[in-house]
Amino acid sequence: TLNYLINEYLLSNNYKVTSVTFGEENDTSDLEDWDSVGLNCARPPDLNQLYRWYCHQLNVDNEKPTKEDFSMLVNFDENLHDEYKNLKTTVQQMQFDLVEYNKRINQIEDEKLNLNNEIQCLEHEKKNLLIQLQVLQNRLTSDEPSIVEIGGYGW
């Protein structure tokens, strides 16, 4: 019965290709004729009417909220709204702080890079000075005997 109603709904709402596909998937009965469904009762209302009846029954069975319940929900929503504002402010402050921290990190990294470059320059200068010192020491050690011999005074 449900397959018949679904097929009828598809046809009435111009879903003809879907209706044909649905009919091909349900080989058990002819979905276009109510008498072929095999039930000995009157044809049921269409699917939209059944759905509306079901929703109407749900609304009738459930009690509508009283005014007190509604006012309680409004107060609850105000509390949530205040909390939301506080959290939103906190998040914005945290985002601002994060941007500032990232800027500071970038500055420190640049400073580190500059200091590393300065260290490398100083080490290179130190090596050059050590080489010059070694050269001067070698000259002094090689020149000392000749000075002693020339002057004879032992300078």
C-alpha atoms as a PDB file:
ATOM      1  CA  THR A   1       0.000   0.000   0.000  1.00  0.00           C
ATOM      2  CA  LEU A   2       2.815   2.355   0.864  1.00  0.00           C
ATOM      3  CA  ASN A   3       4.568   1.654  -2.445  1.00  0.00           C
ATOM      4  CA  TYR A   4       1.321   2.425  -4.294  1.00  0.00           C
ATOM      5  CA  LEU A   5       0.945   5.725  -2.417  1.00  0.00           C
ATOM      6  CA  ILE A   6       4.552   6.730  -3.081  1.00  0.00           C
ATOM      7  CA  ASN A   7       4.215   5.934  -6.767  1.00  0.00           C
ATOM      8  CA  GLU A   8       0.978   7.935  -6.961  1.00  0.00           C
ATOM      9  CA  TYR A   9       2.655  10.879  -5.216  1.00  0.00           C
ATOM     10  CA  LEU A  10       5.533  10.803  -7.704  1.00  0.00           C
ATOM     11  CA  LEU A  11       3.158  10.767 -10.653  1.00  0.00           C
ATOM     12  CA  SER A  12       0.975  13.581  -9.314  1.00  0.00           C
ATOM     13  CA  ASN A  13       4.009  15.824  -8.759  1.00  0.00           C
ATOM     14  CA  ASN A  14       5.515  15.265 -12.228  1.00  0.00           C
ATOM     15  CA  TYR A  15       8.341  12.947 -11.144  1.00  0.00           C
ATOM     16  CA  LYS A  16       7.579  10.562 -14.006  1.00  0.00           C
ATOM     17  CA  VAL A  17      11.106   9.205 -14.515  1.00  0.00           C
ATOM     18  CA  THR A  18      11.467   8.611 -10.785  1.00  0.00           C
ATOM     19  CA  SER A  19       8.069   6.930 -10.739  1.00  0.00           C
ATOM     20  CA  VAL A  20       9.086   4.580 -13.555  1.00  0.00           C
ATOM     21  CA  THR A  21      12.347   3.736 -11.768  1.00  0.00           C
ATOM     22  CA  PHE A  22      10.483   3.173  -8.505  1.00  0.00           C
ATOM     23  CA  GLY A  23       8.012   0.902 -10.298  1.00  0.00           C
ATOM     24  CA  GLU A  24      10.830  -1.122 -11.852  1.00  0.00           C
ATOM     25  CA  GLU A  25      12.453  -1.636  -8.446  1.00  0.00           C
ATOM     26  CA  ASN A  26       9.166  -2.958  -7.004  1.00  0.00           C
ATOM     27  CA  ASP A  27       8.402  -6.004  -9.101  1.00  0.00           C
ATOM     28  CA  THR A  28       5.923  -7.452  -6.605  1.00  0.00           C
ATOM     29  CA  SER A  29       2.832  -5.617  -7.814  1.00  0.00           C
ATOM     30  CA  ASP A  30       1.424  -3.214 -10.348  1.00  0.00           C
ATOM     31  CA  LEU A  31       1.702   0.184  -8.698  1.00  0.00           C
ATOM     32  CA  GLU A  32      -0.653   1.962 -11.088  1.00  0.00           C
ATOM     33  CA  ASP A  33      -3.841   0.092 -10.197  1.00  0.00           C
ATOM     34  CA  TRP A  34      -5.274   0.012  -6.672  1.00  0.00           C
ATOM     35  CA  ASP A  35      -7.167  -3.214  -7.333  1.00  0.00           C
ATOM     36  CA  SER A  36      -3.912  -5.004  -8.153  1.00  0.00           C
ATOM     37  CA  VAL A  37      -2.491  -4.116  -4.707  1.00  0.00           C
ATOM     38  CA  GLY A  38      -4.636  -6.907  -3.291  1.00  0.00           C
ATOM     39  CA  LEU A  39      -6.412  -5.222  -0.397  1.00  0.00           C
ATOM     40  CA  ASN A  40     -10.173  -5.382  -0.086  1.00  0.00           C
ATOM     41  CA  CYS A  41     -10.688  -1.875   1.216  1.00  0.00           C
ATOM     42  CA  ALA A  42     -11.304   1.563  -0.203  1.00  0.00           C
ATOM     43  CA  ARG A  43      -8.501   3.421  -1.824  1.00  0.00           C
ATOM     44  CA  PRO A  44      -6.591   5.482   0.826  1.00  0.00           C
ATOM     45  CA  PRO A  45      -6.091   9.221   0.602  1.00  0.00           C
ATOM     46  CA  ASP A  46      -2.929  10.448  -1.074  1.00  0.00           C
ATOM     47  CA  LEU A  47       0.386  10.722   0.747  1.00  0.00           C
ATOM     48  CA  ASN A  48       0.159  14.489   1.368  1.00  0.00           C
ATOM     49  CA  GLN A  49      -3.214  14.114   3.115  1.00  0.00           C
ATOM     50  CA  LEU A  50      -1.869  11.295   5.291  1.00  0.00           C
ATOM     51  CA  TYR A  51       1.147  13.379   6.262  1.00  0.00           C
ATOM     52  CA  ARG A  52      -1.021  16.403   7.106  1.00  0.00           C
ATOM     53  CA  TRP A  53      -3.336  14.225   9.201  1.00  0.00           C
ATOM     54  CA  TYR A  54      -0.355  12.769  11.085  1.00  0.00           C
ATOM     55  CA  CYS A  55       1.128  16.231  11.807  1.00  0.00           C
ATOM     56  CA  HIS A  56      -2.286  17.500  12.913  1.00  0.00           C
ATOM     57  CA  GLN A  57      -2.586  14.583  15.345  1.00  0.00           C
ATOM     58  CA  LEU A  58       0.844  15.376  16.767  1.00  0.00           C
ATOM     59  CA  ASN A  59      -0.139  19.011  17.375  1.00  0.00           C
ATOM     60  CA  VAL A  60      -3.454  18.068  18.974  1.00  0.00           C
ATOM     61  CA  ASP A  61      -1.860  15.481  21.248  1.00  0.00           C
ATOM     62  CA  ASN A  62       0.931  17.759  22.448  1.00  0.00           C
ATOM     63  CA  GLU A  63       0.070  20.601  24.759  1.00  0.00           C
ATOM     64  CA  LYS A  64       1.140  24.024  23.712  1.00  0.00           C
ATOM     65  CA  PRO A  65       3.633  25.728  26.058  1.00  0.00           C
ATOM     66  CA  THR A  66       2.163  28.041  28.654  1.00  0.00           C
ATOM     67  CA  LYS A  67       3.109  31.667  29.006  1.00  0.00           C
ATOM     68  CA  GLU A  68       5.299  30.925  32.018  1.00  0.00           C
ATOM     69  CA  ASP A  69       7.255  28.363  30.040  1.00  0.00           C
ATOM     70  CA  PHE A  70       7.813  30.911  27.288  1.00  0.00           C
ATOM     71  CA  SER A  71       9.067  33.587  29.676  1.00  0.00           C
ATOM     72  CA  MET A  72      11.469  31.085  31.216  1.00  0.00           C
ATOM     73  CA  LEU A  73      12.864  30.322  27.760  1.00  0.00           C
ATOM     74  CA  VAL A  74      13.323  34.035  27.048  1.00  0.00           C
ATOM     75  CA  ASN A  75      15.318  34.506  30.268  1.00  0.00           C
ATOM     76  CA  PHE A  76      17.399  31.487  29.405  1.00  0.00           C
ATOM     77  CA  ASP A  77      18.098  32.931  25.963  1.00  0.00           C
ATOM     78  CA  GLU A  78      19.158  36.276  27.499  1.00  0.00           C
ATOM     79  CA  ASN A  79      21.652  34.476  29.721  1.00  0.00           C
ATOM     80  CA  LEU A  80      23.017  32.607  26.737  1.00  0.00           C
ATOM     81  CA  HIS A  81      23.244  35.827  24.774  1.00  0.00           C
ATOM     82  CA  ASP A  82      25.240  37.525  27.548  1.00  0.00           C
ATOM     83  CA  GLU A  83      27.540  34.540  27.783  1.00  0.00           C
ATOM     84  CA  TYR A  84      27.918  34.551  23.989  1.00  0.00           C
ATOM     85  CA  LYS A  85      28.906  38.242  24.043  1.00  0.00           C
ATOM     86  CA  ASN A  86      31.480  37.611  26.768  1.00  0.00           C
ATOM     87  CA  LEU A  87      32.937  34.661  24.893  1.00  0.00           C
ATOM     88  CA  LYS A  88      33.002  36.601  21.652  1.00  0.00           C
ATOM     89  CA  THR A  89      34.884  39.451  23.349  1.00  0.00           C
ATOM     90  CA  THR A  90      37.328  36.978  24.857  1.00  0.00           C
ATOM     91  CA  VAL A  91      37.911  35.323  21.483  1.00  0.00           C
ATOM     92  CA  GLN A  92      38.497  38.691  19.818  1.00  0.00           C
ATOM     93  CA  GLN A  93      41.007  39.649  22.506  1.00  0.00           C
ATOM     94  CA  MET A  94      42.759  36.304  22.111  1.00  0.00           C
ATOM     95  CA  GLN A  95      42.915  36.771  18.340  1.00  0.00           C
ATOM     96  CA  PHE A  96      44.381  40.251  18.800  1.00  0.00           C
ATOM     97  CA  ASP A  97      46.923  38.879  21.287  1.00  0.00           C
ATOM     98  CA  LEU A  98      47.815  36.106  18.862  1.00  0.00           C
ATOM     99  CA  VAL A  99      48.496  38.625  16.091  1.00  0.00           C
ATOM    100  CA  GLU A 100      50.669  40.672  18.465  1.00  0.00           C
ATOM    101  CA  TYR A 101      52.557  37.564  19.610  1.00  0.00           C
ATOM    102  CA  ASN A 102      53.166  36.531  16.011  1.00  0.00           C
ATOM    103  CA  LYS A 103      54.515  39.998  15.233  1.00  0.00           C
ATOM    104  CA  ARG A 104      56.815  39.800  18.246  1.00  0.00           C
ATOM    105  CA  ILE A 105      57.976  36.313  17.220  1.00  0.00           C
ATOM    106  CA  ASN A 106      58.784  37.601  13.727  1.00  0.00           C
ATOM    107  CA  GLN A 107      60.743  40.517  15.207  1.00  0.00           C
ATOM    108  CA  ILE A 108      62.690  38.194  17.490  1.00  0.00           C
ATOM    109  CA  GLU A 109      63.421  35.826  14.586  1.00  0.00           C
ATOM    110  CA  ASP A 110      64.696  38.761  12.517  1.00  0.00           C
ATOM    111  CA  GLU A 111      66.845  39.897  15.431  1.00  0.00           C
ATOM    112  CA  LYS A 112      68.174  36.356  15.848  1.00  0.00           C
ATOM    113  CA  LEU A 113      69.036  36.190  12.161  1.00  0.00           C
ATOM    114  CA  ASN A 114      70.866  39.529  12.365  1.00  0.00           C
ATOM    115  CA  LEU A 115      72.780  38.428  15.461  1.00  0.00           C
ATOM    116  CA  ASN A 116      73.741  35.121  13.797  1.00  0.00           C
ATOM    117  CA  ASN A 117      75.039  37.062  10.801  1.00  0.00           C
ATOM    118  CA  GLU A 118      77.006  39.350  13.117  1.00  0.00           C
ATOM    119  CA  ILE A 119      78.439  36.306  14.935  1.00  0.00           C
ATOM    120  CA  GLN A 120      79.542  34.811  11.620  1.00  0.00           C
ATOM    121  CA  CYS A 121      81.180  38.099  10.626  1.00  0.00           C
ATOM    122  CA  LEU A 122      82.976  38.319  13.968  1.00  0.00           C
ATOM    123  CA  GLU A 123      84.156  34.702  13.713  1.00  0.00           C
ATOM    124  CA  HIS A 124      85.451  35.377  10.215  1.00  0.00           C
ATOM    125  CA  GLU A 125      87.234  38.499  11.485  1.00  0.00           C
ATOM    126  CA  LYS A 126      88.661  36.459  14.394  1.00  0.00           C
ATOM    127  CA  LYS A 127      90.029  33.864  11.972  1.00  0.00           C
ATOM    128  CA  ASN A 128      91.609  36.603   9.871  1.00  0.00           C
ATOM    129  CA  LEU A 129      93.174  38.189  12.951  1.00  0.00           C
ATOM    130  CA  LEU A 130      94.495  34.807  14.106  1.00  0.00           C
ATOM    131  CA  ILE A 131      96.025  34.245  10.688  1.00  0.00           C
ATOM    132  CA  GLN A 132      97.632  37.697  10.767  1.00  0.00           C
ATOM    133  CA  LEU A 133      98.940  37.008  14.292  1.00  0.00           C
ATOM    134  CA  GLN A 134     100.394  33.688  13.163  1.00  0.00           C
ATOM    135  CA  VAL A 135     102.047  35.375  10.186  1.00  0.00           C
ATOM    136  CA  LEU A 136     103.532  38.049  12.447  1.00  0.00           C
ATOM    137  CA  GLN A 137     104.755  35.442  14.921  1.00  0.00           C
ATOM    138  CA  ASN A 138     106.376  33.485  12.097  1.00  0.00           C
ATOM    139  CA  ARG A 139     108.125  36.633  10.883  1.00  0.00           C
ATOM    140  CA  LEU A 140     109.327  37.445  14.347  1.00  0.00           C
ATOM    141  CA  THR A 141     110.711  33.968  14.914  1.00  0.00           C
ATOM    142  CA  SER A 142     112.434  33.908  11.551  1.00  0.00           C
ATOM    143  CA  ASP A 143     113.840  37.475  11.918  1.00  0.00           C
ATOM    144  CA  GLU A 144     115.227  37.142  15.479  1.00  0.00           C
ATOM    145  CA  PRO A 145     118.491  35.293  14.666  1.00  0.00           C
ATOM    146  CA  SER A 146     119.381  37.784  11.976  1.00  0.00           C
ATOM    147  CA  ILE A 147     118.840  40.711  14.336  1.00  0.00           C
ATOM    148  CA  VAL A 148     121.041  39.152  16.982  1.00  0.00           C
ATOM    149  CA  GLU A 149     123.759  38.470  14.449  1.00  0.00           C
ATOM    150  CA  ILE A 150     123.658  41.928  12.878  1.00  0.00           C
ATOM    151  CA  GLY A 151     123.603  44.040  15.948  1.00  0.00           C
ATOM    152  CA  GLY A 152     125.478  41.702  18.179  1.00  0.00           C
ATOM    153  CA  TYR A 153     123.709  43.147  21.146  1.00  0.00           C
ATOM    154  CA  GLY A 154     121.044  40.446  21.573  1.00  0.00           C
ATOM    155  CA  TRP A 155     118.089  42.454  20.911  1.00  0.00           C
END
